[in-house]
Every structure is written in structure tokens, then in C-alpha cells.
Amino acid sequence: MREGAIPPSDVSQGSGPRHPLVRVHPVTGKKALYLGRRPFSYICGYPVAESEALLDALWAHATDDQFIWHRTINRPGDILLWDNRCAMHARTSFASSEPRLAHRVQIAGESLIGA
């Protein structure tokens, strides 16, 4: 959560952006899950228990090994690109003694906030 934010006691009453669960890629026309980060995600209009159950099922599907690519080698000068419109990403933990330098570049695109 953002600094100073108070976790909601009822996720259905939480604040934050709303967006569709499934989005259509504007170039390929393919559908992709567009999942928010847990644990304060909620599917608007659903009872909390049903929202949690569906989100659990969607996260389990999206993070199934058949859909995951693991980067195993890190070399100085590597560049890694992905399309946030159809890919989720996460890093694995690493020792704080290991050097890590990363630069992030974002390219402007369409907004789904409030869609």
C-alpha cells in the first residue's frame, strides 16, 4: 500500500483505481487478464467471499507454471522488455548484499482507469 494509506477492514469499501478484469489488446485484439495486486483487490459488485474465491482462481490460473517464464541469467547490459498490457511481472528476492541497478522506462498508451 502507498505510504500513509490505511488498509480497509472491508475490501469492498477500499479506495483506489477501478479497471476491467479482462482487457483487449489494442493491436492484437487478444484478451488478457488484468489483475490488480492482492491482498486488497476486489471485484466490484460481488459479495466479498465470491470476489475472493474468483480472484484466487484467476491468480492461480495466471501464475500456473505453464504461463511463467523465469529469467535465470543476469548479465551487465541486459535489456528486458515486456508489454504491460498482456504480461504480469515480478522479481524474485535477492540478497541485499547483491548489487542491483535497474532503470525503468514507460511508454505512454491508453488508460483503463475508470473504464
Protein backbone atom coordinates (compact mmCIF):
# COMPACT_ATOMS: atom_id res chain seq x y z
CA MET A 1 0.00 0.00 0.00
CA ARG A 2 1.05 3.57 -0.52
CA GLU A 3 2.69 5.34 2.39
CA GLY A 4 0.05 6.75 4.73
CA ALA A 5 -2.74 4.58 3.31
CA ILE A 6 -4.94 2.75 5.78
CA PRO A 7 -5.86 -0.83 4.87
CA PRO A 8 -9.64 -1.19 4.58
CA SER A 9 -11.33 -3.51 7.05
CA ASP A 10 -13.77 -4.37 4.24
CA VAL A 11 -12.14 -4.70 0.80
CA SER A 12 -15.41 -3.76 -0.89
CA GLN A 13 -15.08 -0.31 0.68
CA GLY A 14 -11.46 0.27 -0.29
CA SER A 15 -10.35 3.21 -2.39
CA GLY A 16 -8.19 3.11 -5.46
CA PRO A 17 -8.50 2.81 -9.20
CA ARG A 18 -11.04 0.55 -10.87
CA HIS A 19 -10.37 -1.26 -14.09
CA PRO A 20 -11.73 -4.22 -16.03
CA LEU A 21 -10.66 -7.77 -15.12
CA VAL A 22 -10.16 -8.63 -18.77
CA ARG A 23 -8.80 -6.24 -21.33
CA VAL A 24 -8.44 -6.46 -25.07
CA HIS A 25 -5.02 -5.71 -26.51
CA PRO A 26 -5.49 -2.75 -28.88
CA VAL A 27 -3.13 -4.19 -31.51
CA THR A 28 -3.67 -7.96 -31.43
CA GLY A 29 -7.31 -7.99 -30.29
CA LYS A 30 -6.46 -10.80 -27.84
CA LYS A 31 -7.97 -10.86 -24.37
CA ALA A 32 -5.78 -10.87 -21.27
CA LEU A 33 -6.41 -10.91 -17.55
CA TYR A 34 -5.75 -7.53 -15.99
CA LEU A 35 -5.36 -8.38 -12.33
CA GLY A 36 -4.65 -5.93 -9.55
CA ARG A 37 -2.24 -6.67 -6.76
CA ARG A 38 -3.54 -8.61 -3.80
CA PRO A 39 -4.48 -8.53 -0.90
CA PHE A 40 -6.81 -5.51 -1.24
CA SER A 41 -8.22 -6.31 -4.69
CA TYR A 42 -11.96 -6.69 -5.00
CA ILE A 43 -14.38 -7.39 -7.86
CA CYS A 44 -16.91 -4.58 -7.72
CA GLY A 45 -20.48 -5.67 -7.14
CA TYR A 46 -19.61 -9.16 -5.89
CA PRO A 47 -20.06 -10.35 -2.32
CA VAL A 48 -16.60 -10.29 -0.72
CA ALA A 49 -16.40 -14.10 -0.36
CA GLU A 50 -17.27 -14.62 -4.05
CA SER A 51 -14.82 -11.92 -5.12
CA GLU A 52 -12.04 -13.56 -3.08
CA ALA A 53 -12.82 -17.02 -4.48
CA LEU A 54 -12.83 -15.80 -8.09
CA LEU A 55 -9.66 -13.73 -7.63
CA ASP A 56 -7.94 -16.74 -6.01
CA ALA A 57 -8.90 -18.89 -9.00
CA LEU A 58 -7.77 -16.25 -11.51
CA TRP A 59 -4.42 -15.73 -9.75
CA ALA A 60 -3.87 -19.49 -9.58
CA HIS A 61 -4.54 -19.73 -13.31
CA ALA A 62 -2.42 -16.72 -14.25
CA THR A 63 0.55 -17.90 -12.19
CA ASP A 64 0.42 -21.53 -13.31
CA ASP A 65 3.85 -22.79 -14.38
CA GLN A 66 2.70 -23.19 -17.99
CA PHE A 67 2.38 -19.39 -18.27
CA ILE A 68 5.57 -18.39 -16.46
CA TRP A 69 8.92 -17.52 -17.97
CA HIS A 70 11.79 -17.35 -15.49
CA ARG A 71 14.81 -15.27 -16.27
CA THR A 72 17.74 -17.27 -14.95
CA ILE A 73 20.82 -15.37 -16.08
CA ASN A 74 21.54 -11.73 -15.31
CA ARG A 75 24.37 -10.06 -17.16
CA PRO A 76 25.50 -6.42 -17.08
CA GLY A 77 23.95 -4.59 -20.02
CA ASP A 78 20.93 -6.89 -20.35
CA ILE A 79 17.72 -5.24 -21.51
CA LEU A 80 14.38 -6.77 -20.69
CA LEU A 81 11.15 -5.53 -22.29
CA TRP A 82 7.56 -6.62 -21.80
CA ASP A 83 4.15 -5.34 -22.71
CA ASN A 84 2.24 -4.48 -19.52
CA ARG A 85 -0.99 -4.73 -21.49
CA CYS A 86 -0.69 -8.53 -21.59
CA ALA A 87 2.05 -9.62 -19.17
CA MET A 88 2.43 -9.64 -15.41
CA HIS A 89 5.89 -9.38 -13.95
CA ALA A 90 7.57 -9.90 -10.62
CA ARG A 91 11.07 -10.29 -9.37
CA THR A 92 12.35 -12.97 -7.07
CA SER A 93 14.02 -11.97 -3.85
CA PHE A 94 17.77 -11.46 -3.75
CA ALA A 95 20.35 -10.80 -1.05
CA SER A 96 20.63 -7.15 -0.08
CA SER A 97 24.40 -7.52 -0.47
CA GLU A 98 23.98 -8.21 -4.21
CA PRO A 99 24.24 -5.14 -6.41
CA ARG A 100 21.16 -4.33 -8.45
CA LEU A 101 20.76 -1.44 -10.83
CA ALA A 102 17.61 -1.09 -12.85
CA HIS A 103 16.27 1.74 -14.97
CA ARG A 104 12.59 1.88 -15.83
CA VAL A 105 11.18 3.43 -18.97
CA GLN A 106 7.46 3.72 -19.63
CA ILE A 107 5.86 4.43 -22.96
CA ALA A 108 2.58 6.33 -22.91
CA GLY A 109 -0.51 4.45 -24.01
CA GLU A 110 -4.21 4.16 -23.46
CA SER A 111 -5.68 4.40 -19.96
CA LEU A 112 -8.07 1.86 -18.48
CA ILE A 113 -8.54 3.67 -15.18
CA GLY A 114 -12.23 4.32 -14.83
CA ALA A 115 -13.03 2.17 -17.87
